[in-house]
Every structure is written in structure tokens, then in C-alpha cells.
Amino acid sequence: MPTRRVHDRYDVSLPVTILSGSSEVSGLTRNVGLGGMFIFTDFSAQFGDRVLLRLRLPALREDSRIEATVRWVEPDGVGVQFGSLRAMEVWGLNQLLKARPLSD
């Protein structure tokens, strides 16, 4: 079955905080790409929910705050699609992903 993803996903484990309204929930990424990520978390979300992600990309000096939309929900976490990324975050993601294996 063909995938609808535009960007490859890579196996990466990074701590991330999901901010939604007054909620702040921790998680850990399973995979990351330039288009989004899957986050292991107990965050209760529905398709289409808009969230803010806070995470530290290793190549950057400070935390990134990235707007995202929930695109799928599984019992162990959520998949999100990034909104607009700043050039600095695109560079930081590319640095992180360039030596990683592709996710299945």
C-alpha cells in the first residue's frame, strides 16, 4: 500500500512536551521527519486537534516550539503533522536526521 507521506521518517527518540490549552503532557518520539513525528504519550487527542510541541533539537541551543496538527491516534500515542517550521528548525531537524536509519 503506498504511503501518503511526503517526507521520510527516521527512528529517533527525543523527549517532547505537548501543550494543548492548559494541558502539558510529556512524551517520547518514536520517529521524526521534516513533516511530523509520532509521539509515545498518554495525551488524549482527536484527529485534527491543534497542539504546540516543545522539544530540544540537539543541534540547537534552545528549545523549539512547533505548531502541529494531530493526524492519527493510537493507543500508545499520537502522530502529528508540523505546521510552518522556521529555517532554524528545518536545519536542526536535518542535522538530527542525516545519519539516522529510516523508520519502517
PDB file of N, CA and C in Angstrom:
ATOM      1  N   MET A   1       0.838  -1.173   0.000  1.00  0.00           N
ATOM      2  CA  MET A   1       0.000   0.000   0.000  1.00  0.00           C
ATOM      3  C   MET A   1       0.887   1.241   0.000  1.00  0.00           C
ATOM      4  N   PRO A   2       0.700   2.140  -0.931  1.00  0.00           N
ATOM      5  CA  PRO A   2       1.549   3.334  -0.978  1.00  0.00           C
ATOM      6  C   PRO A   2       1.287   4.259   0.210  1.00  0.00           C
ATOM      7  N   THR A   3       2.352   4.907   0.654  1.00  0.00           N
ATOM      8  CA  THR A   3       2.238   5.843   1.771  1.00  0.00           C
ATOM      9  C   THR A   3       1.881   7.231   1.251  1.00  0.00           C
ATOM     10  N   ARG A   4       1.225   8.018   2.089  1.00  0.00           N
ATOM     11  CA  ARG A   4       0.869   9.385   1.690  1.00  0.00           C
ATOM     12  C   ARG A   4       1.888  10.383   2.208  1.00  0.00           C
ATOM     13  N   ARG A   5       2.899   9.910   2.903  1.00  0.00           N
ATOM     14  CA  ARG A   5       3.905  10.819   3.449  1.00  0.00           C
ATOM     15  C   ARG A   5       4.757  11.440   2.358  1.00  0.00           C
ATOM     16  N   VAL A   6       5.031  12.709   2.510  1.00  0.00           N
ATOM     17  CA  VAL A   6       5.919  13.421   1.596  1.00  0.00           C
ATOM     18  C   VAL A   6       7.366  13.277   2.055  1.00  0.00           C
ATOM     19  N   HIS A   7       7.579  13.264   3.388  1.00  0.00           N
ATOM     20  CA  HIS A   7       8.918  13.203   3.967  1.00  0.00           C
ATOM     21  C   HIS A   7       9.132  11.854   4.650  1.00  0.00           C
ATOM     22  N   ASP A   8      10.333  11.318   4.491  1.00  0.00           N
ATOM     23  CA  ASP A   8      10.682  10.078   5.176  1.00  0.00           C
ATOM     24  C   ASP A   8      10.651  10.284   6.681  1.00  0.00           C
ATOM     25  N   ARG A   9      10.472   9.189   7.398  1.00  0.00           N
ATOM     26  CA  ARG A   9      10.549   9.202   8.859  1.00  0.00           C
ATOM     27  C   ARG A   9      11.781   8.427   9.287  1.00  0.00           C
ATOM     28  N   TYR A  10      12.386   8.855  10.385  1.00  0.00           N
ATOM     29  CA  TYR A  10      13.608   8.256  10.902  1.00  0.00           C
ATOM     30  C   TYR A  10      13.409   7.881  12.368  1.00  0.00           C
ATOM     31  N   ASP A  11      14.010   6.756  12.760  1.00  0.00           N
ATOM     32  CA  ASP A  11      13.935   6.308  14.141  1.00  0.00           C
ATOM     33  C   ASP A  11      14.722   7.268  15.026  1.00  0.00           C
ATOM     34  N   VAL A  12      14.012   8.010  15.850  1.00  0.00           N
ATOM     35  CA  VAL A  12      14.627   8.989  16.746  1.00  0.00           C
ATOM     36  C   VAL A  12      13.827   8.996  18.049  1.00  0.00           C
ATOM     37  N   SER A  13      14.528   9.000  19.157  1.00  0.00           N
ATOM     38  CA  SER A  13      13.892   9.071  20.460  1.00  0.00           C
ATOM     39  C   SER A  13      14.311  10.372  21.147  1.00  0.00           C
ATOM     40  N   LEU A  14      13.373  11.314  21.224  1.00  0.00           N
ATOM     41  CA  LEU A  14      13.614  12.612  21.858  1.00  0.00           C
ATOM     42  C   LEU A  14      12.474  12.914  22.828  1.00  0.00           C
ATOM     43  N   PRO A  15      12.775  13.486  23.983  1.00  0.00           N
ATOM     44  CA  PRO A  15      11.682  13.937  24.846  1.00  0.00           C
ATOM     45  C   PRO A  15      10.963  15.131  24.211  1.00  0.00           C
ATOM     46  N   VAL A  16       9.656  15.146  24.364  1.00  0.00           N
ATOM     47  CA  VAL A  16       8.844  16.229  23.810  1.00  0.00           C
ATOM     48  C   VAL A  16       7.700  16.516  24.777  1.00  0.00           C
ATOM     49  N   THR A  17       7.302  17.767  24.848  1.00  0.00           N
ATOM     50  CA  THR A  17       6.148  18.160  25.644  1.00  0.00           C
ATOM     51  C   THR A  17       5.058  18.635  24.693  1.00  0.00           C
ATOM     52  N   ILE A  18       3.852  18.117  24.900  1.00  0.00           N
ATOM     53  CA  ILE A  18       2.697  18.512  24.096  1.00  0.00           C
ATOM     54  C   ILE A  18       1.888  19.501  24.919  1.00  0.00           C
ATOM     55  N   LEU A  19       1.663  20.686  24.353  1.00  0.00           N
ATOM     56  CA  LEU A  19       0.881  21.727  25.019  1.00  0.00           C
ATOM     57  C   LEU A  19      -0.434  21.903  24.263  1.00  0.00           C
ATOM     58  N   SER A  20      -1.529  21.796  25.007  1.00  0.00           N
ATOM     59  CA  SER A  20      -2.848  21.941  24.399  1.00  0.00           C
ATOM     60  C   SER A  20      -3.766  22.600  25.421  1.00  0.00           C
ATOM     61  N   GLY A  21      -4.198  23.811  25.129  1.00  0.00           N
ATOM     62  CA  GLY A  21      -4.994  24.549  26.110  1.00  0.00           C
ATOM     63  C   GLY A  21      -4.175  24.733  27.369  1.00  0.00           C
ATOM     64  N   SER A  22      -4.717  24.298  28.497  1.00  0.00           N
ATOM     65  CA  SER A  22      -3.976  24.395  29.753  1.00  0.00           C
ATOM     66  C   SER A  22      -3.242  23.096  30.089  1.00  0.00           C
ATOM     67  N   SER A  23      -3.330  22.096  29.211  1.00  0.00           N
ATOM     68  CA  SER A  23      -2.667  20.815  29.447  1.00  0.00           C
ATOM     69  C   SER A  23      -1.231  20.826  28.954  1.00  0.00           C
ATOM     70  N   GLU A  24      -0.378  20.131  29.684  1.00  0.00           N
ATOM     71  CA  GLU A  24       1.024  19.957  29.307  1.00  0.00           C
ATOM     72  C   GLU A  24       1.369  18.496  29.608  1.00  0.00           C
ATOM     73  N   VAL A  25       1.634  17.710  28.537  1.00  0.00           N
ATOM     74  CA  VAL A  25       1.850  16.272  28.684  1.00  0.00           C
ATOM     75  C   VAL A  25       3.188  15.905  28.065  1.00  0.00           C
ATOM     76  N   SER A  26       3.955  15.093  28.763  1.00  0.00           N
ATOM     77  CA  SER A  26       5.256  14.644  28.260  1.00  0.00           C
ATOM     78  C   SER A  26       5.094  13.441  27.339  1.00  0.00           C
ATOM     79  N   GLY A  27       6.079  13.283  26.469  1.00  0.00           N
ATOM     80  CA  GLY A  27       6.109  12.132  25.579  1.00  0.00           C
ATOM     81  C   GLY A  27       7.521  11.894  25.085  1.00  0.00           C
ATOM     82  N   LEU A  28       7.656  10.866  24.267  1.00  0.00           N
ATOM     83  CA  LEU A  28       8.935  10.486  23.680  1.00  0.00           C
ATOM     84  C   LEU A  28       8.693  10.130  22.224  1.00  0.00           C
ATOM     85  N   THR A  29       9.477  10.706  21.323  1.00  0.00           N
ATOM     86  CA  THR A  29       9.247  10.428  19.905  1.00  0.00           C
ATOM     87  C   THR A  29       9.646   9.003  19.556  1.00  0.00           C
ATOM     88  N   ARG A  30       8.893   8.408  18.639  1.00  0.00           N
ATOM     89  CA  ARG A  30       9.235   7.100  18.069  1.00  0.00           C
ATOM     90  C   ARG A  30       9.957   7.308  16.750  1.00  0.00           C
ATOM     91  N   ASN A  31       9.436   8.242  15.965  1.00  0.00           N
ATOM     92  CA  ASN A  31      10.071   8.573  14.697  1.00  0.00           C
ATOM     93  C   ASN A  31       9.813  10.034  14.381  1.00  0.00           C
ATOM     94  N   VAL A  32      10.717  10.588  13.568  1.00  0.00           N
ATOM     95  CA  VAL A  32      10.667  12.018  13.246  1.00  0.00           C
ATOM     96  C   VAL A  32      11.019  12.195  11.773  1.00  0.00           C
ATOM     97  N   GLY A  33      10.381  13.145  11.133  1.00  0.00           N
ATOM     98  CA  GLY A  33      10.716  13.537   9.769  1.00  0.00           C
ATOM     99  C   GLY A  33      10.497  15.030   9.639  1.00  0.00           C
ATOM    100  N   LEU A  34      10.778  15.568   8.486  1.00  0.00           N
ATOM    101  CA  LEU A  34      10.568  17.003   8.292  1.00  0.00           C
ATOM    102  C   LEU A  34       9.092  17.382   8.297  1.00  0.00           C
ATOM    103  N   GLY A  35       8.221  16.403   8.097  1.00  0.00           N
ATOM    104  CA  GLY A  35       6.790  16.693   8.063  1.00  0.00           C
ATOM    105  C   GLY A  35       6.060  16.475   9.366  1.00  0.00           C
ATOM    106  N   GLY A  36       6.668  15.705  10.292  1.00  0.00           N
ATOM    107  CA  GLY A  36       5.974  15.425  11.538  1.00  0.00           C
ATOM    108  C   GLY A  36       6.675  14.362  12.349  1.00  0.00           C
ATOM    109  N   MET A  37       5.943  13.814  13.331  1.00  0.00           N
ATOM    110  CA  MET A  37       6.534  12.812  14.210  1.00  0.00           C
ATOM    111  C   MET A  37       5.436  11.982  14.868  1.00  0.00           C
ATOM    112  N   PHE A  38       5.836  10.804  15.358  1.00  0.00           N
ATOM    113  CA  PHE A  38       4.957  10.030  16.222  1.00  0.00           C
ATOM    114  C   PHE A  38       5.498  10.160  17.633  1.00  0.00           C
ATOM    115  N   ILE A  39       4.602  10.381  18.590  1.00  0.00           N
ATOM    116  CA  ILE A  39       4.991  10.599  19.981  1.00  0.00           C
ATOM    117  C   ILE A  39       4.322   9.558  20.862  1.00  0.00           C
ATOM    118  N   PHE A  40       5.137   8.763  21.576  1.00  0.00           N
ATOM    119  CA  PHE A  40       4.602   7.885  22.610  1.00  0.00           C
ATOM    120  C   PHE A  40       4.147   8.775  23.759  1.00  0.00           C
ATOM    121  N   THR A  41       2.861   8.710  24.120  1.00  0.00           N
ATOM    122  CA  THR A  41       2.332   9.569  25.172  1.00  0.00           C
ATOM    123  C   THR A  41       0.962   9.073  25.593  1.00  0.00           C
ATOM    124  N   ASP A  42       0.510   9.517  26.745  1.00  0.00           N
ATOM    125  CA  ASP A  42      -0.863   9.225  27.157  1.00  0.00           C
ATOM    126  C   ASP A  42      -1.766  10.444  26.921  1.00  0.00           C
ATOM    127  N   PHE A  43      -1.286  11.389  26.119  1.00  0.00           N
ATOM    128  CA  PHE A  43      -2.062  12.573  25.754  1.00  0.00           C
ATOM    129  C   PHE A  43      -3.342  12.131  25.051  1.00  0.00           C
ATOM    130  N   SER A  44      -4.469  12.624  25.508  1.00  0.00           N
ATOM    131  CA  SER A  44      -5.756  12.298  24.912  1.00  0.00           C
ATOM    132  C   SER A  44      -6.052  13.313  23.805  1.00  0.00           C
ATOM    133  N   ALA A  45      -6.072  12.829  22.581  1.00  0.00           N
ATOM    134  CA  ALA A  45      -6.253  13.730  21.438  1.00  0.00           C
ATOM    135  C   ALA A  45      -7.203  13.112  20.429  1.00  0.00           C
ATOM    136  N   GLN A  46      -7.683  13.960  19.542  1.00  0.00           N
ATOM    137  CA  GLN A  46      -8.519  13.513  18.437  1.00  0.00           C
ATOM    138  C   GLN A  46      -7.939  14.048  17.135  1.00  0.00           C
ATOM    139  N   PHE A  47      -8.272  13.376  16.052  1.00  0.00           N
ATOM    140  CA  PHE A  47      -7.835  13.817  14.733  1.00  0.00           C
ATOM    141  C   PHE A  47      -8.204  15.283  14.543  1.00  0.00           C
ATOM    142  N   GLY A  48      -7.226  16.063  14.085  1.00  0.00           N
ATOM    143  CA  GLY A  48      -7.459  17.472  13.789  1.00  0.00           C
ATOM    144  C   GLY A  48      -7.152  18.422  14.927  1.00  0.00           C
ATOM    145  N   ASP A  49      -6.919  17.891  16.131  1.00  0.00           N
ATOM    146  CA  ASP A  49      -6.562  18.775  17.246  1.00  0.00           C
ATOM    147  C   ASP A  49      -5.270  19.517  16.925  1.00  0.00           C
ATOM    148  N   ARG A  50      -5.235  20.804  17.268  1.00  0.00           N
ATOM    149  CA  ARG A  50      -4.020  21.609  17.084  1.00  0.00           C
ATOM    150  C   ARG A  50      -3.300  21.670  18.415  1.00  0.00           C
ATOM    151  N   VAL A  51      -1.991  21.435  18.362  1.00  0.00           N
ATOM    152  CA  VAL A  51      -1.177  21.417  19.582  1.00  0.00           C
ATOM    153  C   VAL A  51       0.103  22.205  19.342  1.00  0.00           C
ATOM    154  N   LEU A  52       0.801  22.471  20.423  1.00  0.00           N
ATOM    155  CA  LEU A  52       2.118  23.088  20.358  1.00  0.00           C
ATOM    156  C   LEU A  52       3.098  22.095  20.964  1.00  0.00           C
ATOM    157  N   LEU A  53       4.180  21.833  20.253  1.00  0.00           N
ATOM    158  CA  LEU A  53       5.209  20.908  20.730  1.00  0.00           C
ATOM    159  C   LEU A  53       6.405  21.705  21.217  1.00  0.00           C
ATOM    160  N   ARG A  54       6.952  21.280  22.337  1.00  0.00           N
ATOM    161  CA  ARG A  54       8.185  21.884  22.841  1.00  0.00           C
ATOM    162  C   ARG A  54       9.211  20.771  22.950  1.00  0.00           C
ATOM    163  N   LEU A  55      10.333  20.942  22.243  1.00  0.00           N
ATOM    164  CA  LEU A  55      11.387  19.936  22.270  1.00  0.00           C
ATOM    165  C   LEU A  55      12.728  20.574  22.009  1.00  0.00           C
ATOM    166  N   ARG A  56      13.773  19.875  22.367  1.00  0.00           N
ATOM    167  CA  ARG A  56      15.138  20.357  22.138  1.00  0.00           C
ATOM    168  C   ARG A  56      15.757  19.521  21.027  1.00  0.00           C
ATOM    169  N   LEU A  57      16.034  20.165  19.915  1.00  0.00           N
ATOM    170  CA  LEU A  57      16.789  19.526  18.840  1.00  0.00           C
ATOM    171  C   LEU A  57      18.262  19.653  19.211  1.00  0.00           C
ATOM    172  N   PRO A  58      19.020  18.556  19.203  1.00  0.00           N
ATOM    173  CA  PRO A  58      20.394  18.582  19.718  1.00  0.00           C
ATOM    174  C   PRO A  58      21.304  19.651  19.103  1.00  0.00           C
ATOM    175  N   ALA A  59      21.108  20.008  17.849  1.00  0.00           N
ATOM    176  CA  ALA A  59      21.984  20.990  17.202  1.00  0.00           C
ATOM    177  C   ALA A  59      21.645  22.435  17.576  1.00  0.00           C
ATOM    178  N   LEU A  60      20.522  22.640  18.250  1.00  0.00           N
ATOM    179  CA  LEU A  60      20.094  23.996  18.590  1.00  0.00           C
ATOM    180  C   LEU A  60      20.348  24.292  20.061  1.00  0.00           C
ATOM    181  N   ARG A  61      20.531  25.552  20.376  1.00  0.00           N
ATOM    182  CA  ARG A  61      20.873  25.971  21.742  1.00  0.00           C
ATOM    183  C   ARG A  61      19.680  26.110  22.666  1.00  0.00           C
ATOM    184  N   GLU A  62      18.493  26.241  22.094  1.00  0.00           N
ATOM    185  CA  GLU A  62      17.313  26.427  22.929  1.00  0.00           C
ATOM    186  C   GLU A  62      16.176  25.554  22.436  1.00  0.00           C
ATOM    187  N   ASP A  63      15.164  25.408  23.284  1.00  0.00           N
ATOM    188  CA  ASP A  63      14.003  24.599  22.914  1.00  0.00           C
ATOM    189  C   ASP A  63      13.303  25.196  21.696  1.00  0.00           C
ATOM    190  N   SER A  64      12.756  24.309  20.881  1.00  0.00           N
ATOM    191  CA  SER A  64      11.919  24.724  19.760  1.00  0.00           C
ATOM    192  C   SER A  64      10.465  24.578  20.165  1.00  0.00           C
ATOM    193  N   ARG A  65       9.646  25.472  19.661  1.00  0.00           N
ATOM    194  CA  ARG A  65       8.200  25.402  19.853  1.00  0.00           C
ATOM    195  C   ARG A  65       7.597  25.313  18.455  1.00  0.00           C
ATOM    196  N   ILE A  66       6.949  24.181  18.190  1.00  0.00           N
ATOM    197  CA  ILE A  66       6.468  23.886  16.842  1.00  0.00           C
ATOM    198  C   ILE A  66       4.967  23.624  16.890  1.00  0.00           C
ATOM    199  N   GLU A  67       4.218  24.356  16.091  1.00  0.00           N
ATOM    200  CA  GLU A  67       2.786  24.105  15.960  1.00  0.00           C
ATOM    201  C   GLU A  67       2.588  22.829  15.152  1.00  0.00           C
ATOM    202  N   ALA A  68       1.592  22.033  15.549  1.00  0.00           N
ATOM    203  CA  ALA A  68       1.340  20.766  14.865  1.00  0.00           C
ATOM    204  C   ALA A  68      -0.146  20.429  14.928  1.00  0.00           C
ATOM    205  N   THR A  69      -0.556  19.518  14.049  1.00  0.00           N
ATOM    206  CA  THR A  69      -1.928  19.033  13.993  1.00  0.00           C
ATOM    207  C   THR A  69      -1.919  17.523  14.160  1.00  0.00           C
ATOM    208  N   VAL A  70      -2.785  17.008  15.018  1.00  0.00           N
ATOM    209  CA  VAL A  70      -2.884  15.558  15.224  1.00  0.00           C
ATOM    210  C   VAL A  70      -3.482  14.940  13.964  1.00  0.00           C
ATOM    211  N   ARG A  71      -2.772  13.961  13.388  1.00  0.00           N
ATOM    212  CA  ARG A  71      -3.220  13.302  12.163  1.00  0.00           C
ATOM    213  C   ARG A  71      -3.606  11.847  12.367  1.00  0.00           C
ATOM    214  N   TRP A  72      -3.167  11.240  13.454  1.00  0.00           N
ATOM    215  CA  TRP A  72      -3.654   9.911  13.808  1.00  0.00           C
ATOM    216  C   TRP A  72      -3.431   9.673  15.289  1.00  0.00           C
ATOM    217  N   VAL A  73      -4.281   8.800  15.834  1.00  0.00           N
ATOM    218  CA  VAL A  73      -4.241   8.485  17.256  1.00  0.00           C
ATOM    219  C   VAL A  73      -4.170   6.973  17.395  1.00  0.00           C
ATOM    220  N   GLU A  74      -3.232   6.507  18.216  1.00  0.00           N
ATOM    221  CA  GLU A  74      -3.089   5.084  18.512  1.00  0.00           C
ATOM    222  C   GLU A  74      -3.150   4.925  20.028  1.00  0.00           C
ATOM    223  N   PRO A  75      -3.354   3.715  20.530  1.00  0.00           N
ATOM    224  CA  PRO A  75      -3.432   3.526  21.986  1.00  0.00           C
ATOM    225  C   PRO A  75      -2.182   3.999  22.735  1.00  0.00           C
ATOM    226  N   ASP A  76      -1.019   3.948  22.078  1.00  0.00           N
ATOM    227  CA  ASP A  76       0.224   4.319  22.768  1.00  0.00           C
ATOM    228  C   ASP A  76       0.751   5.703  22.419  1.00  0.00           C
ATOM    229  N   GLY A  77      -0.003   6.477  21.621  1.00  0.00           N
ATOM    230  CA  GLY A  77       0.484   7.804  21.291  1.00  0.00           C
ATOM    231  C   GLY A  77      -0.259   8.465  20.146  1.00  0.00           C
ATOM    232  N   VAL A  78       0.355   9.542  19.625  1.00  0.00           N
ATOM    233  CA  VAL A  78      -0.257  10.327  18.553  1.00  0.00           C
ATOM    234  C   VAL A  78       0.770  10.632  17.463  1.00  0.00           C
ATOM    235  N   GLY A  79       0.280  10.715  16.240  1.00  0.00           N
ATOM    236  CA  GLY A  79       1.081  11.179  15.113  1.00  0.00           C
ATOM    237  C   GLY A  79       0.678  12.598  14.794  1.00  0.00           C
ATOM    238  N   VAL A  80       1.669  13.460  14.624  1.00  0.00           N
ATOM    239  CA  VAL A  80       1.374  14.866  14.349  1.00  0.00           C
ATOM    240  C   VAL A  80       2.070  15.322  13.072  1.00  0.00           C
ATOM    241  N   GLN A  81       1.431  16.257  12.404  1.00  0.00           N
ATOM    242  CA  GLN A  81       1.992  16.910  11.221  1.00  0.00           C
ATOM    243  C   GLN A  81       2.385  18.317  11.639  1.00  0.00           C
ATOM    244  N   PHE A  82       3.624  18.695  11.315  1.00  0.00           N
ATOM    245  CA  PHE A  82       4.094  20.026  11.664  1.00  0.00           C
ATOM    246  C   PHE A  82       3.372  21.089  10.854  1.00  0.00           C
ATOM    247  N   GLY A  83       3.194  22.253  11.479  1.00  0.00           N
ATOM    248  CA  GLY A  83       2.752  23.438  10.763  1.00  0.00           C
ATOM    249  C   GLY A  83       3.994  24.053  10.131  1.00  0.00           C
ATOM    250  N   SER A  84       4.036  25.347  10.047  1.00  0.00           N
ATOM    251  CA  SER A  84       5.198  26.022   9.469  1.00  0.00           C
ATOM    252  C   SER A  84       6.411  25.887  10.389  1.00  0.00           C
ATOM    253  N   LEU A  85       7.523  25.496   9.807  1.00  0.00           N
ATOM    254  CA  LEU A  85       8.784  25.400  10.543  1.00  0.00           C
ATOM    255  C   LEU A  85       9.662  26.589  10.183  1.00  0.00           C
ATOM    256  N   ARG A  86      10.354  27.116  11.173  1.00  0.00           N
ATOM    257  CA  ARG A  86      11.328  28.171  10.902  1.00  0.00           C
ATOM    258  C   ARG A  86      12.566  27.524  10.272  1.00  0.00           C
ATOM    259  N   ALA A  87      13.341  28.300   9.549  1.00  0.00           N
ATOM    260  CA  ALA A  87      14.550  27.787   8.894  1.00  0.00           C
ATOM    261  C   ALA A  87      15.475  27.129   9.911  1.00  0.00           C
ATOM    262  N   MET A  88      15.569  27.689  11.104  1.00  0.00           N
ATOM    263  CA  MET A  88      16.428  27.144  12.141  1.00  0.00           C
ATOM    264  C   MET A  88      15.981  25.724  12.529  1.00  0.00           C
ATOM    265  N   GLU A  89      14.665  25.493  12.626  1.00  0.00           N
ATOM    266  CA  GLU A  89      14.167  24.167  12.975  1.00  0.00           C
ATOM    267  C   GLU A  89      14.375  23.177  11.837  1.00  0.00           C
ATOM    268  N   VAL A  90      14.206  23.622  10.596  1.00  0.00           N
ATOM    269  CA  VAL A  90      14.475  22.737   9.456  1.00  0.00           C
ATOM    270  C   VAL A  90      15.938  22.314   9.484  1.00  0.00           C
ATOM    271  N   TRP A  91      16.840  23.258   9.724  1.00  0.00           N
ATOM    272  CA  TRP A  91      18.271  22.938   9.808  1.00  0.00           C
ATOM    273  C   TRP A  91      18.532  21.970  10.958  1.00  0.00           C
ATOM    274  N   GLY A  92      17.949  22.245  12.130  1.00  0.00           N
ATOM    275  CA  GLY A  92      18.135  21.373  13.289  1.00  0.00           C
ATOM    276  C   GLY A  92      17.617  19.962  13.040  1.00  0.00           C
ATOM    277  N   LEU A  93      16.472  19.845  12.390  1.00  0.00           N
ATOM    278  CA  LEU A  93      15.940  18.520  12.051  1.00  0.00           C
ATOM    279  C   LEU A  93      16.843  17.806  11.051  1.00  0.00           C
ATOM    280  N   ASN A  94      17.304  18.520  10.035  1.00  0.00           N
ATOM    281  CA  ASN A  94      18.210  17.904   9.052  1.00  0.00           C
ATOM    282  C   ASN A  94      19.489  17.404   9.720  1.00  0.00           C
ATOM    283  N   GLN A  95      20.038  18.170  10.647  1.00  0.00           N
ATOM    284  CA  GLN A  95      21.244  17.744  11.363  1.00  0.00           C
ATOM    285  C   GLN A  95      20.966  16.466  12.159  1.00  0.00           C
ATOM    286  N   LEU A  96      19.816  16.402  12.783  1.00  0.00           N
ATOM    287  CA  LEU A  96      19.435  15.243  13.584  1.00  0.00           C
ATOM    288  C   LEU A  96      19.235  13.999  12.728  1.00  0.00           C
ATOM    289  N   LEU A  97      18.631  14.169  11.562  1.00  0.00           N
ATOM    290  CA  LEU A  97      18.195  13.027  10.759  1.00  0.00           C
ATOM    291  C   LEU A  97      19.235  12.505   9.776  1.00  0.00           C
ATOM    292  N   LYS A  98      20.250  13.282   9.458  1.00  0.00           N
ATOM    293  CA  LYS A  98      21.136  12.918   8.347  1.00  0.00           C
ATOM    294  C   LYS A  98      21.887  11.607   8.541  1.00  0.00           C
ATOM    295  N   ALA A  99      22.093  11.154   9.756  1.00  0.00           N
ATOM    296  CA  ALA A  99      22.837   9.904   9.970  1.00  0.00           C
ATOM    297  C   ALA A  99      21.956   8.825  10.594  1.00  0.00           C
ATOM    298  N   ARG A 100      20.660   8.981  10.546  1.00  0.00           N
ATOM    299  CA  ARG A 100      19.740   8.027  11.186  1.00  0.00           C
ATOM    300  C   ARG A 100      19.176   7.037  10.179  1.00  0.00           C
ATOM    301  N   PRO A 101      18.828   5.844  10.662  1.00  0.00           N
ATOM    302  CA  PRO A 101      18.171   4.877   9.773  1.00  0.00           C
ATOM    303  C   PRO A 101      16.724   5.265   9.538  1.00  0.00           C
ATOM    304  N   LEU A 102      16.211   4.947   8.356  1.00  0.00           N
ATOM    305  CA  LEU A 102      14.805   5.185   8.048  1.00  0.00           C
ATOM    306  C   LEU A 102      13.933   4.314   8.945  1.00  0.00           C
ATOM    307  N   SER A 103      12.783   4.828   9.314  1.00  0.00           N
ATOM    308  CA  SER A 103      11.817   4.081  10.106  1.00  0.00           C
ATOM    309  C   SER A 103      11.069   3.123   9.186  1.00  0.00           C
ATOM    310  N   ASP A 104      10.579   2.041   9.757  1.00  0.00           N
ATOM    311  CA  ASP A 104       9.782   1.066   8.970  1.00  0.00           C
ATOM    312  C   ASP A 104       8.431   1.603   8.614  1.00  0.00           C
TER     313      ASP A 104
END
